[in-house]
């Protein structure tokens, strides 16, 4: 993963698991610029510039918030590429936002991508680990 790029992460339900996976690799300081763990709405607003109106309109678990998180990570770092994750790891959820729903976004490199994956009620630890792995695959795909 040495294309001269710097990566930032913006994580909610994974609580820093993507940044941890990246920094588990020796020499990762040449690639990982910073990570934001923005579990609360206030943190998403304060650290990433997510708009209150976006949170009120769509909720924290939405593609709209995911892209604002990724864009905010870029704007508040010197990274070239950012990945964001926001979701419902469980237990619980609702009819409209079920357990296992996770929204991802990639921003940077003149492109952006956003998607929602329904992992299902796999249990909290499995949803978080599966979301982490998916985010890492998105980063690899974006780097090309």
Protein backbone atom coordinates (compact mmCIF):
# COMPACT_ATOMS: atom_id res chain seq x y z
CA UNK A 1 0.00 0.00 0.00
CA UNK A 2 2.69 2.50 -0.88
CA UNK A 3 1.34 4.75 -3.60
CA UNK A 4 2.49 7.88 -1.75
CA UNK A 5 -1.03 8.36 -0.45
CA UNK A 6 -2.09 9.28 3.05
CA UNK A 7 -5.28 7.81 4.52
CA UNK A 8 -7.69 9.11 7.15
CA UNK A 9 -10.49 7.17 8.77
CA UNK A 10 -13.77 8.45 10.20
CA UNK A 11 -15.45 5.76 12.27
CA UNK A 12 -18.55 5.51 14.36
CA UNK A 13 -19.82 1.97 15.02
CA UNK A 14 -16.38 0.42 14.51
CA UNK A 15 -14.80 2.69 17.11
CA UNK A 16 -11.38 2.86 15.48
CA UNK A 17 -11.10 -0.73 14.27
CA UNK A 18 -10.16 0.32 10.72
CA UNK A 19 -7.41 2.62 11.97
CA UNK A 20 -6.22 -0.13 14.30
CA UNK A 21 -6.10 -2.67 11.46
CA UNK A 22 -4.11 -0.25 9.31
CA UNK A 23 -1.69 0.64 12.08
CA UNK A 24 -1.13 -3.03 12.94
CA UNK A 25 1.07 -3.07 9.82
CA UNK A 26 4.70 -2.12 10.37
CA UNK A 27 5.54 1.09 8.53
CA UNK A 28 1.93 2.24 8.46
CA UNK A 29 2.97 5.73 9.59
CA UNK A 30 3.94 6.32 5.96
CA UNK A 31 0.30 5.76 4.95
CA UNK A 32 -2.03 6.48 7.88
CA UNK A 33 -2.43 10.21 8.48
CA UNK A 34 -5.06 10.10 11.24
CA UNK A 35 -8.24 8.50 12.46
CA UNK A 36 -11.38 10.06 13.86
CA UNK A 37 -13.62 8.09 16.20
CA UNK A 38 -16.86 10.03 16.15
CA UNK A 39 -19.30 7.86 18.03
CA UNK A 40 -21.64 10.64 19.10
CA UNK A 41 -23.49 13.08 16.86
CA UNK A 42 -21.69 15.94 18.65
CA UNK A 43 -18.33 14.43 17.69
CA UNK A 44 -19.43 14.06 14.08
CA UNK A 45 -20.36 17.75 14.06
CA UNK A 46 -17.35 19.06 16.01
CA UNK A 47 -14.56 16.99 14.49
CA UNK A 48 -15.80 16.29 10.96
CA UNK A 49 -18.17 19.15 10.21
CA UNK A 50 -21.20 16.94 9.65
CA UNK A 51 -24.19 19.27 9.42
CA UNK A 52 -26.78 19.16 12.20
CA UNK A 53 -29.49 19.37 9.56
CA UNK A 54 -28.12 16.26 7.84
CA UNK A 55 -28.20 14.34 11.12
CA UNK A 56 -31.71 15.58 11.91
CA UNK A 57 -33.04 14.82 8.43
CA UNK A 58 -31.42 11.46 7.70
CA UNK A 59 -30.08 10.20 11.04
CA UNK A 60 -26.54 9.21 11.92
CA UNK A 61 -26.84 5.91 10.06
CA UNK A 62 -27.29 7.20 6.52
CA UNK A 63 -25.33 7.57 3.33
CA UNK A 64 -25.70 11.34 3.64
CA UNK A 65 -23.88 11.35 6.98
CA UNK A 66 -21.31 8.81 5.77
CA UNK A 67 -20.23 11.02 2.86
CA UNK A 68 -20.08 14.11 5.09
CA UNK A 69 -17.93 12.12 7.53
CA UNK A 70 -15.50 11.06 4.79
CA UNK A 71 -15.35 14.54 3.31
CA UNK A 72 -14.87 16.02 6.77
CA UNK A 73 -11.99 13.63 7.46
CA UNK A 74 -10.28 14.90 4.30
CA UNK A 75 -10.93 18.54 5.15
CA UNK A 76 -9.59 18.11 8.68
CA UNK A 77 -6.42 16.26 7.73
CA UNK A 78 -3.73 16.22 5.09
CA UNK A 79 -4.89 12.82 3.82
CA UNK A 80 -5.52 12.09 0.16
CA UNK A 81 -8.15 9.43 0.79
CA UNK A 82 -10.68 8.90 3.56
CA UNK A 83 -13.05 6.13 4.49
CA UNK A 84 -16.02 6.50 6.82
CA UNK A 85 -18.30 4.06 8.60
CA UNK A 86 -21.54 4.67 10.46
CA UNK A 87 -23.97 1.94 11.39
CA UNK A 88 -25.95 -0.07 13.88
CA UNK A 89 -23.77 -2.83 15.28
CA UNK A 90 -26.40 -3.94 17.78
CA UNK A 91 -27.91 -5.22 19.75
CA UNK A 92 -31.13 -3.62 18.71
CA UNK A 93 -32.04 -1.35 15.89
CA UNK A 94 -35.46 -0.45 14.59
CA UNK A 95 -37.83 -1.30 11.79
CA UNK A 96 -36.41 1.58 9.73
CA UNK A 97 -32.77 1.09 10.74
CA UNK A 98 -32.18 -2.57 11.57
CA UNK A 99 -29.21 -4.07 13.35
CA UNK A 100 -26.43 -4.75 10.89
CA UNK A 101 -27.08 -1.77 8.62
CA UNK A 102 -23.81 0.01 7.95
CA UNK A 103 -23.15 2.97 5.66
CA UNK A 104 -19.72 3.50 4.12
CA UNK A 105 -18.16 6.31 2.14
CA UNK A 106 -14.87 6.90 0.38
CA UNK A 107 -13.73 10.43 -0.45
CA UNK A 108 -10.62 11.65 -2.19
CA UNK A 109 -8.59 10.95 -5.29
CA UNK A 110 -11.12 12.98 -7.31
CA UNK A 111 -13.87 10.49 -6.57
CA UNK A 112 -16.39 9.62 -3.94
CA UNK A 113 -18.40 6.51 -3.29
CA UNK A 114 -21.11 5.77 -0.79
CA UNK A 115 -23.00 2.58 -0.06
CA UNK A 116 -25.15 0.85 2.51
CA UNK A 117 -24.66 -2.80 3.38
CA UNK A 118 -27.21 -4.85 5.30
CA UNK A 119 -25.03 -7.34 7.17
CA UNK A 120 -27.98 -8.52 9.25
CA UNK A 121 -28.17 -9.33 12.94
CA UNK A 122 -24.80 -11.10 13.14
CA UNK A 123 -24.16 -9.89 16.68
CA UNK A 124 -22.29 -6.76 17.67
CA UNK A 125 -18.74 -8.12 17.38
CA UNK A 126 -19.39 -9.73 13.99
CA UNK A 127 -21.08 -6.65 12.52
CA UNK A 128 -18.15 -4.49 13.63
CA UNK A 129 -15.51 -6.91 12.30
CA UNK A 130 -17.35 -7.38 9.00
CA UNK A 131 -17.72 -3.60 8.62
CA UNK A 132 -14.01 -3.12 9.33
CA UNK A 133 -13.08 -5.68 6.68
CA UNK A 134 -15.44 -4.13 4.14
CA UNK A 135 -13.96 -0.67 4.73
CA UNK A 136 -10.46 -2.04 4.20
CA UNK A 137 -11.57 -3.58 0.90
CA UNK A 138 -13.06 -0.22 -0.15
CA UNK A 139 -9.73 1.46 0.56
CA UNK A 140 -7.85 -1.13 -1.51
CA UNK A 141 -10.31 -0.71 -4.38
CA UNK A 142 -10.01 3.09 -4.25
CA UNK A 143 -6.22 2.93 -4.34
CA UNK A 144 -6.45 0.61 -7.34
